[in-house]
Amino acid sequence: METSCGVVLVNFGTVLLLQYPQGHWDLPKGHVEEFDSDRKATAARELIEETGISAIEFIDGFEEKTTYSFKQKGRLTEKQVFWFLATTERITVKLSKEHHRYMWLDWELAIEMATHDETKGTLTKAKSFADRIGLV
């Protein structure tokens, strides 16, 4: 099973979505590397690689796991993604070559724009958590 880690990144009530070359909108995420010290380190590294944003603060108490499968080169691949919630004051994004566009959207629009049901579910849970702790 492949493992990735990603970030629900919040900036003053807006959430970052990235558009991938295939056209879908998703949260920043990427594969765990053997040199990553833990899942949060993977999420932070991938965020830097994909957006150039390094100035973040992880919000304790939120970790969500999603699982899904997809076909890759004719083979079914199982994947799990561990999601973390973080805030930033940066709004400028330096996109990697892996993405075409980005948008900072309010929670409801981000949930609507997200392509995959797993991402919509993660965003919904993150928003609920953020509401409970007064982040939103």
N, C-alpha and C. Protein backbone atom coordinates (compact mmCIF):
# COMPACT_ATOMS: atom_id res chain seq x y z
N MET A 1 0.85 -1.18 0.00
CA MET A 1 0.00 0.00 0.00
C MET A 1 0.89 1.24 0.00
N GLU A 2 0.59 2.18 -0.87
CA GLU A 2 1.31 3.45 -0.91
C GLU A 2 0.84 4.33 0.24
N THR A 3 1.76 5.12 0.78
CA THR A 3 1.41 6.05 1.84
C THR A 3 1.86 7.45 1.47
N SER A 4 0.95 8.41 1.64
CA SER A 4 1.24 9.81 1.43
C SER A 4 0.77 10.60 2.65
N CYS A 5 1.22 11.83 2.73
CA CYS A 5 0.78 12.74 3.79
C CYS A 5 0.51 14.09 3.16
N GLY A 6 -0.49 14.79 3.72
CA GLY A 6 -0.85 16.08 3.15
C GLY A 6 -1.35 17.05 4.20
N VAL A 7 -1.65 18.26 3.72
CA VAL A 7 -2.01 19.37 4.60
C VAL A 7 -3.30 20.03 4.13
N VAL A 8 -4.20 20.24 5.09
CA VAL A 8 -5.31 21.17 4.89
C VAL A 8 -4.76 22.49 5.41
N LEU A 9 -4.40 23.38 4.48
CA LEU A 9 -3.72 24.63 4.85
C LEU A 9 -4.72 25.78 4.87
N VAL A 10 -4.79 26.45 6.02
CA VAL A 10 -5.76 27.52 6.23
C VAL A 10 -5.04 28.86 6.36
N ASN A 11 -5.60 29.86 5.68
CA ASN A 11 -5.08 31.22 5.76
C ASN A 11 -6.26 32.14 6.03
N PHE A 12 -6.42 32.56 7.28
CA PHE A 12 -7.48 33.48 7.66
C PHE A 12 -8.85 33.09 7.09
N GLY A 13 -9.22 31.83 7.31
CA GLY A 13 -10.54 31.35 6.90
C GLY A 13 -10.65 30.84 5.48
N THR A 14 -9.55 30.85 4.74
CA THR A 14 -9.57 30.26 3.40
C THR A 14 -8.66 29.04 3.38
N VAL A 15 -8.93 28.14 2.43
CA VAL A 15 -8.22 26.87 2.32
C VAL A 15 -7.57 26.78 0.94
N LEU A 16 -6.36 26.24 0.90
CA LEU A 16 -5.61 26.12 -0.35
C LEU A 16 -5.96 24.84 -1.09
N LEU A 17 -6.35 24.98 -2.35
CA LEU A 17 -6.52 23.84 -3.26
C LEU A 17 -5.56 24.01 -4.43
N LEU A 18 -5.05 22.88 -4.93
CA LEU A 18 -4.15 22.87 -6.08
C LEU A 18 -4.81 22.10 -7.22
N GLN A 19 -4.58 22.58 -8.44
CA GLN A 19 -5.09 21.86 -9.61
C GLN A 19 -3.96 21.05 -10.23
N TYR A 20 -4.21 19.76 -10.37
CA TYR A 20 -3.23 18.84 -10.94
C TYR A 20 -3.36 18.82 -12.46
N PRO A 21 -2.33 18.35 -13.18
CA PRO A 21 -2.37 18.35 -14.65
C PRO A 21 -3.58 17.63 -15.24
N GLN A 22 -4.06 16.59 -14.54
CA GLN A 22 -5.21 15.85 -15.05
C GLN A 22 -6.50 16.66 -14.89
N GLY A 23 -6.42 17.81 -14.22
CA GLY A 23 -7.58 18.69 -14.10
C GLY A 23 -8.25 18.67 -12.73
N HIS A 24 -7.93 17.69 -11.89
CA HIS A 24 -8.63 17.62 -10.61
C HIS A 24 -8.02 18.58 -9.58
N TRP A 25 -8.88 18.99 -8.64
CA TRP A 25 -8.49 19.89 -7.55
C TRP A 25 -8.34 19.08 -6.28
N ASP A 26 -7.23 19.28 -5.57
CA ASP A 26 -6.95 18.50 -4.37
C ASP A 26 -6.10 19.34 -3.43
N LEU A 27 -5.86 18.78 -2.26
CA LEU A 27 -5.00 19.39 -1.26
C LEU A 27 -3.55 19.01 -1.53
N PRO A 28 -2.60 19.80 -1.04
CA PRO A 28 -1.19 19.44 -1.20
C PRO A 28 -0.86 18.15 -0.45
N LYS A 29 -0.20 17.23 -1.13
CA LYS A 29 0.17 15.96 -0.51
C LYS A 29 1.26 15.29 -1.32
N GLY A 30 1.89 14.28 -0.71
CA GLY A 30 2.91 13.54 -1.44
C GLY A 30 3.38 12.33 -0.68
N HIS A 31 4.20 11.54 -1.35
CA HIS A 31 4.67 10.27 -0.81
C HIS A 31 5.64 10.43 0.36
N VAL A 32 5.56 9.50 1.27
CA VAL A 32 6.50 9.41 2.38
C VAL A 32 7.84 8.96 1.83
N GLU A 33 8.90 9.65 2.24
CA GLU A 33 10.26 9.27 1.87
C GLU A 33 10.95 8.68 3.10
N GLU A 34 11.90 7.80 2.88
CA GLU A 34 12.56 7.12 4.00
C GLU A 34 13.27 8.08 4.93
N PHE A 35 13.68 9.25 4.44
CA PHE A 35 14.39 10.21 5.28
C PHE A 35 13.45 11.10 6.10
N ASP A 36 12.14 11.04 5.84
CA ASP A 36 11.19 11.83 6.62
C ASP A 36 11.14 11.29 8.05
N SER A 37 11.20 12.19 9.02
CA SER A 37 11.24 11.76 10.42
C SER A 37 9.89 11.26 10.91
N ASP A 38 8.81 11.81 10.38
CA ASP A 38 7.46 11.37 10.75
C ASP A 38 6.47 11.88 9.70
N ARG A 39 5.19 11.60 9.91
CA ARG A 39 4.17 11.96 8.92
C ARG A 39 4.05 13.47 8.76
N LYS A 40 4.13 14.22 9.86
CA LYS A 40 4.06 15.68 9.75
C LYS A 40 5.24 16.22 8.96
N ALA A 41 6.40 15.61 9.12
CA ALA A 41 7.58 16.03 8.36
C ALA A 41 7.34 15.81 6.86
N THR A 42 6.72 14.69 6.52
CA THR A 42 6.39 14.43 5.12
C THR A 42 5.43 15.49 4.60
N ALA A 43 4.37 15.76 5.37
CA ALA A 43 3.38 16.76 4.96
C ALA A 43 4.02 18.13 4.77
N ALA A 44 4.88 18.53 5.70
CA ALA A 44 5.54 19.83 5.61
C ALA A 44 6.48 19.89 4.40
N ARG A 45 7.23 18.82 4.19
CA ARG A 45 8.15 18.78 3.04
C ARG A 45 7.39 18.87 1.73
N GLU A 46 6.32 18.10 1.62
CA GLU A 46 5.53 18.13 0.39
C GLU A 46 4.90 19.50 0.16
N LEU A 47 4.45 20.14 1.23
CA LEU A 47 3.88 21.48 1.09
C LEU A 47 4.93 22.46 0.54
N ILE A 48 6.13 22.38 1.06
CA ILE A 48 7.20 23.25 0.56
C ILE A 48 7.48 22.94 -0.91
N GLU A 49 7.61 21.66 -1.25
CA GLU A 49 7.91 21.27 -2.63
C GLU A 49 6.83 21.72 -3.60
N GLU A 50 5.57 21.62 -3.19
CA GLU A 50 4.46 21.89 -4.10
C GLU A 50 4.01 23.34 -4.12
N THR A 51 4.31 24.10 -3.05
CA THR A 51 3.79 25.47 -2.96
C THR A 51 4.83 26.52 -2.59
N GLY A 52 5.98 26.09 -2.11
CA GLY A 52 6.97 27.04 -1.63
C GLY A 52 6.68 27.60 -0.25
N ILE A 53 5.59 27.15 0.37
CA ILE A 53 5.20 27.67 1.69
C ILE A 53 5.84 26.81 2.78
N SER A 54 6.66 27.46 3.60
CA SER A 54 7.31 26.75 4.71
C SER A 54 6.87 27.29 6.07
N ALA A 55 6.36 28.50 6.10
CA ALA A 55 5.96 29.13 7.36
C ALA A 55 4.54 28.68 7.72
N ILE A 56 4.46 27.53 8.42
CA ILE A 56 3.17 27.00 8.82
C ILE A 56 3.20 26.63 10.30
N GLU A 57 2.01 26.50 10.86
CA GLU A 57 1.87 26.01 12.22
C GLU A 57 0.84 24.88 12.20
N PHE A 58 1.29 23.67 12.55
CA PHE A 58 0.35 22.56 12.63
C PHE A 58 -0.58 22.76 13.82
N ILE A 59 -1.84 22.41 13.63
CA ILE A 59 -2.84 22.50 14.69
C ILE A 59 -2.97 21.13 15.33
N ASP A 60 -2.62 21.05 16.60
CA ASP A 60 -2.69 19.77 17.31
C ASP A 60 -4.12 19.25 17.40
N GLY A 61 -4.25 17.95 17.34
CA GLY A 61 -5.54 17.31 17.56
C GLY A 61 -6.27 16.88 16.30
N PHE A 62 -5.76 17.28 15.13
CA PHE A 62 -6.41 16.86 13.89
C PHE A 62 -5.45 16.00 13.08
N GLU A 63 -5.84 14.75 12.88
CA GLU A 63 -5.17 13.85 11.93
C GLU A 63 -6.24 12.95 11.36
N GLU A 64 -6.37 12.98 10.06
CA GLU A 64 -7.39 12.22 9.35
C GLU A 64 -6.69 11.27 8.39
N LYS A 65 -7.22 10.07 8.25
CA LYS A 65 -6.67 9.10 7.32
C LYS A 65 -7.73 8.77 6.27
N THR A 66 -7.36 8.85 5.01
CA THR A 66 -8.24 8.41 3.94
C THR A 66 -7.56 7.27 3.19
N THR A 67 -8.37 6.41 2.62
CA THR A 67 -7.84 5.33 1.79
C THR A 67 -8.64 5.27 0.50
N TYR A 68 -7.97 4.91 -0.56
CA TYR A 68 -8.64 4.74 -1.85
C TYR A 68 -7.76 3.89 -2.74
N SER A 69 -8.31 3.49 -3.86
CA SER A 69 -7.54 2.72 -4.83
C SER A 69 -7.68 3.37 -6.20
N PHE A 70 -6.67 3.15 -7.03
CA PHE A 70 -6.67 3.69 -8.39
C PHE A 70 -5.85 2.78 -9.28
N LYS A 71 -6.08 2.90 -10.58
CA LYS A 71 -5.32 2.10 -11.54
C LYS A 71 -4.11 2.90 -11.99
N GLN A 72 -2.95 2.23 -11.93
CA GLN A 72 -1.71 2.83 -12.37
C GLN A 72 -1.00 1.82 -13.25
N LYS A 73 -0.83 2.18 -14.50
CA LYS A 73 -0.20 1.28 -15.48
C LYS A 73 -0.92 -0.06 -15.53
N GLY A 74 -2.24 -0.02 -15.49
CA GLY A 74 -3.05 -1.22 -15.60
C GLY A 74 -3.14 -2.05 -14.33
N ARG A 75 -2.53 -1.56 -13.25
CA ARG A 75 -2.50 -2.29 -11.99
C ARG A 75 -3.25 -1.50 -10.91
N LEU A 76 -4.06 -2.20 -10.14
CA LEU A 76 -4.79 -1.55 -9.05
C LEU A 76 -3.84 -1.26 -7.90
N THR A 77 -3.82 0.00 -7.46
CA THR A 77 -2.94 0.44 -6.37
C THR A 77 -3.79 0.94 -5.22
N GLU A 78 -3.49 0.46 -4.02
CA GLU A 78 -4.15 0.93 -2.80
C GLU A 78 -3.30 2.05 -2.21
N LYS A 79 -3.98 3.09 -1.72
CA LYS A 79 -3.25 4.23 -1.17
C LYS A 79 -3.91 4.69 0.11
N GLN A 80 -3.09 5.10 1.08
CA GLN A 80 -3.58 5.73 2.29
C GLN A 80 -2.91 7.10 2.40
N VAL A 81 -3.70 8.09 2.84
CA VAL A 81 -3.17 9.43 3.00
C VAL A 81 -3.50 9.90 4.41
N PHE A 82 -2.48 10.42 5.10
CA PHE A 82 -2.66 11.00 6.42
C PHE A 82 -2.67 12.52 6.27
N TRP A 83 -3.74 13.14 6.77
CA TRP A 83 -3.95 14.57 6.61
C TRP A 83 -3.77 15.30 7.93
N PHE A 84 -3.16 16.48 7.85
CA PHE A 84 -2.96 17.34 9.01
C PHE A 84 -3.52 18.72 8.70
N LEU A 85 -3.89 19.42 9.74
CA LEU A 85 -4.41 20.78 9.63
C LEU A 85 -3.31 21.75 10.03
N ALA A 86 -3.12 22.80 9.24
CA ALA A 86 -2.10 23.79 9.54
C ALA A 86 -2.59 25.17 9.12
N THR A 87 -1.98 26.18 9.72
CA THR A 87 -2.29 27.56 9.35
C THR A 87 -1.03 28.23 8.80
N THR A 88 -1.25 29.27 8.04
CA THR A 88 -0.15 30.08 7.52
C THR A 88 -0.65 31.51 7.33
N GLU A 89 0.27 32.44 7.35
CA GLU A 89 -0.07 33.82 7.02
C GLU A 89 0.37 34.15 5.60
N ARG A 90 1.01 33.21 4.94
CA ARG A 90 1.46 33.40 3.56
C ARG A 90 0.32 33.14 2.59
N ILE A 91 0.17 33.99 1.60
CA ILE A 91 -0.83 33.72 0.56
C ILE A 91 -0.18 33.49 -0.81
N THR A 92 1.06 33.90 -0.95
CA THR A 92 1.76 33.72 -2.21
C THR A 92 2.21 32.27 -2.34
N VAL A 93 1.84 31.66 -3.46
CA VAL A 93 2.17 30.26 -3.72
C VAL A 93 3.10 30.20 -4.92
N LYS A 94 4.18 29.44 -4.78
CA LYS A 94 5.09 29.18 -5.90
C LYS A 94 4.83 27.74 -6.32
N LEU A 95 4.00 27.58 -7.35
CA LEU A 95 3.60 26.24 -7.78
C LEU A 95 4.76 25.43 -8.34
N SER A 96 4.75 24.16 -8.01
CA SER A 96 5.71 23.23 -8.61
C SER A 96 5.21 22.87 -10.01
N LYS A 97 6.03 22.13 -10.74
CA LYS A 97 5.64 21.69 -12.07
C LYS A 97 4.52 20.65 -12.02
N GLU A 98 4.23 20.14 -10.82
CA GLU A 98 3.17 19.14 -10.66
C GLU A 98 1.77 19.73 -10.74
N HIS A 99 1.66 21.05 -10.72
CA HIS A 99 0.35 21.69 -10.65
C HIS A 99 0.22 22.82 -11.66
N HIS A 100 -1.04 23.10 -12.03
CA HIS A 100 -1.32 24.15 -13.00
C HIS A 100 -1.78 25.44 -12.36
N ARG A 101 -2.60 25.33 -11.32
CA ARG A 101 -3.20 26.52 -10.69
C ARG A 101 -3.38 26.25 -9.21
N TYR A 102 -3.67 27.33 -8.49
CA TYR A 102 -4.04 27.20 -7.08
C TYR A 102 -5.14 28.21 -6.78
N MET A 103 -5.88 27.96 -5.73
CA MET A 103 -6.91 28.89 -5.28
C MET A 103 -7.00 28.83 -3.76
N TRP A 104 -7.15 29.99 -3.14
CA TRP A 104 -7.52 30.09 -1.73
C TRP A 104 -9.03 30.29 -1.72
N LEU A 105 -9.75 29.37 -1.12
CA LEU A 105 -11.22 29.39 -1.15
C LEU A 105 -11.78 29.30 0.26
N ASP A 106 -12.97 29.89 0.46
CA ASP A 106 -13.60 29.67 1.76
C ASP A 106 -13.94 28.19 1.87
N TRP A 107 -14.18 27.76 3.11
CA TRP A 107 -14.37 26.32 3.36
C TRP A 107 -15.42 25.69 2.46
N GLU A 108 -16.59 26.31 2.37
CA GLU A 108 -17.70 25.71 1.62
C GLU A 108 -17.34 25.56 0.14
N LEU A 109 -16.72 26.59 -0.42
CA LEU A 109 -16.36 26.53 -1.84
C LEU A 109 -15.23 25.52 -2.07
N ALA A 110 -14.30 25.43 -1.12
CA ALA A 110 -13.23 24.43 -1.24
C ALA A 110 -13.81 23.02 -1.25
N ILE A 111 -14.77 22.77 -0.36
CA ILE A 111 -15.42 21.45 -0.32
C ILE A 111 -16.12 21.18 -1.64
N GLU A 112 -16.78 22.19 -2.17
CA GLU A 112 -17.48 22.03 -3.45
C GLU A 112 -16.52 21.82 -4.62
N MET A 113 -15.39 22.55 -4.62
CA MET A 113 -14.42 22.48 -5.72
C MET A 113 -13.58 21.20 -5.71
N ALA A 114 -13.36 20.64 -4.54
CA ALA A 114 -12.53 19.43 -4.45
C ALA A 114 -13.14 18.33 -5.32
N THR A 115 -12.30 17.70 -6.10
CA THR A 115 -12.78 16.71 -7.07
C THR A 115 -13.20 15.40 -6.42
N HIS A 116 -12.38 14.90 -5.51
CA HIS A 116 -12.59 13.56 -4.97
C HIS A 116 -13.39 13.58 -3.67
N ASP A 117 -14.23 12.57 -3.51
CA ASP A 117 -15.06 12.46 -2.30
C ASP A 117 -14.20 12.37 -1.04
N GLU A 118 -13.06 11.70 -1.12
CA GLU A 118 -12.17 11.60 0.05
C GLU A 118 -11.69 12.98 0.49
N THR A 119 -11.37 13.83 -0.47
CA THR A 119 -10.93 15.19 -0.16
C THR A 119 -12.07 16.01 0.42
N LYS A 120 -13.25 15.87 -0.15
CA LYS A 120 -14.42 16.58 0.39
C LYS A 120 -14.66 16.17 1.84
N GLY A 121 -14.53 14.87 2.13
CA GLY A 121 -14.72 14.37 3.49
C GLY A 121 -13.66 14.91 4.44
N THR A 122 -12.41 14.94 4.00
CA THR A 122 -11.33 15.47 4.83
C THR A 122 -11.56 16.95 5.11
N LEU A 123 -11.94 17.70 4.10
CA LEU A 123 -12.21 19.13 4.29
C LEU A 123 -13.38 19.36 5.25
N THR A 124 -14.42 18.54 5.12
CA THR A 124 -15.58 18.67 6.00
C THR A 124 -15.20 18.41 7.45
N LYS A 125 -14.39 17.37 7.68
CA LYS A 125 -13.94 17.05 9.03
C LYS A 125 -13.01 18.13 9.57
N ALA A 126 -12.13 18.63 8.72
CA ALA A 126 -11.20 19.69 9.15
C ALA A 126 -11.96 20.96 9.51
N LYS A 127 -12.98 21.30 8.72
CA LYS A 127 -13.78 22.49 9.02
C LYS A 127 -14.51 22.33 10.34
N SER A 128 -15.08 21.17 10.57
CA SER A 128 -15.77 20.90 11.83
C SER A 128 -14.81 21.04 13.01
N PHE A 129 -13.61 20.49 12.89
CA PHE A 129 -12.61 20.60 13.93
C PHE A 129 -12.22 22.08 14.13
N ALA A 130 -11.97 22.78 13.03
CA ALA A 130 -11.58 24.19 13.10
C ALA A 130 -12.68 25.02 13.77
N ASP A 131 -13.94 24.73 13.45
CA ASP A 131 -15.06 25.42 14.09
C ASP A 131 -15.05 25.19 15.60
N ARG A 132 -14.84 23.93 16.01
CA ARG A 132 -14.85 23.58 17.44
C ARG A 132 -13.76 24.30 18.23
N ILE A 133 -12.60 24.50 17.62
CA ILE A 133 -11.50 25.13 18.35
C ILE A 133 -11.42 26.65 18.10
N GLY A 134 -12.36 27.16 17.30
CA GLY A 134 -12.40 28.59 17.05
C GLY A 134 -11.40 29.08 16.02
N LEU A 135 -10.97 28.20 15.14
CA LEU A 135 -9.98 28.56 14.12
C LEU A 135 -10.63 29.28 12.94
N VAL A 136 -11.86 28.92 12.64
CA VAL A 136 -12.52 29.48 11.45
C VAL A 136 -13.07 30.86 11.74
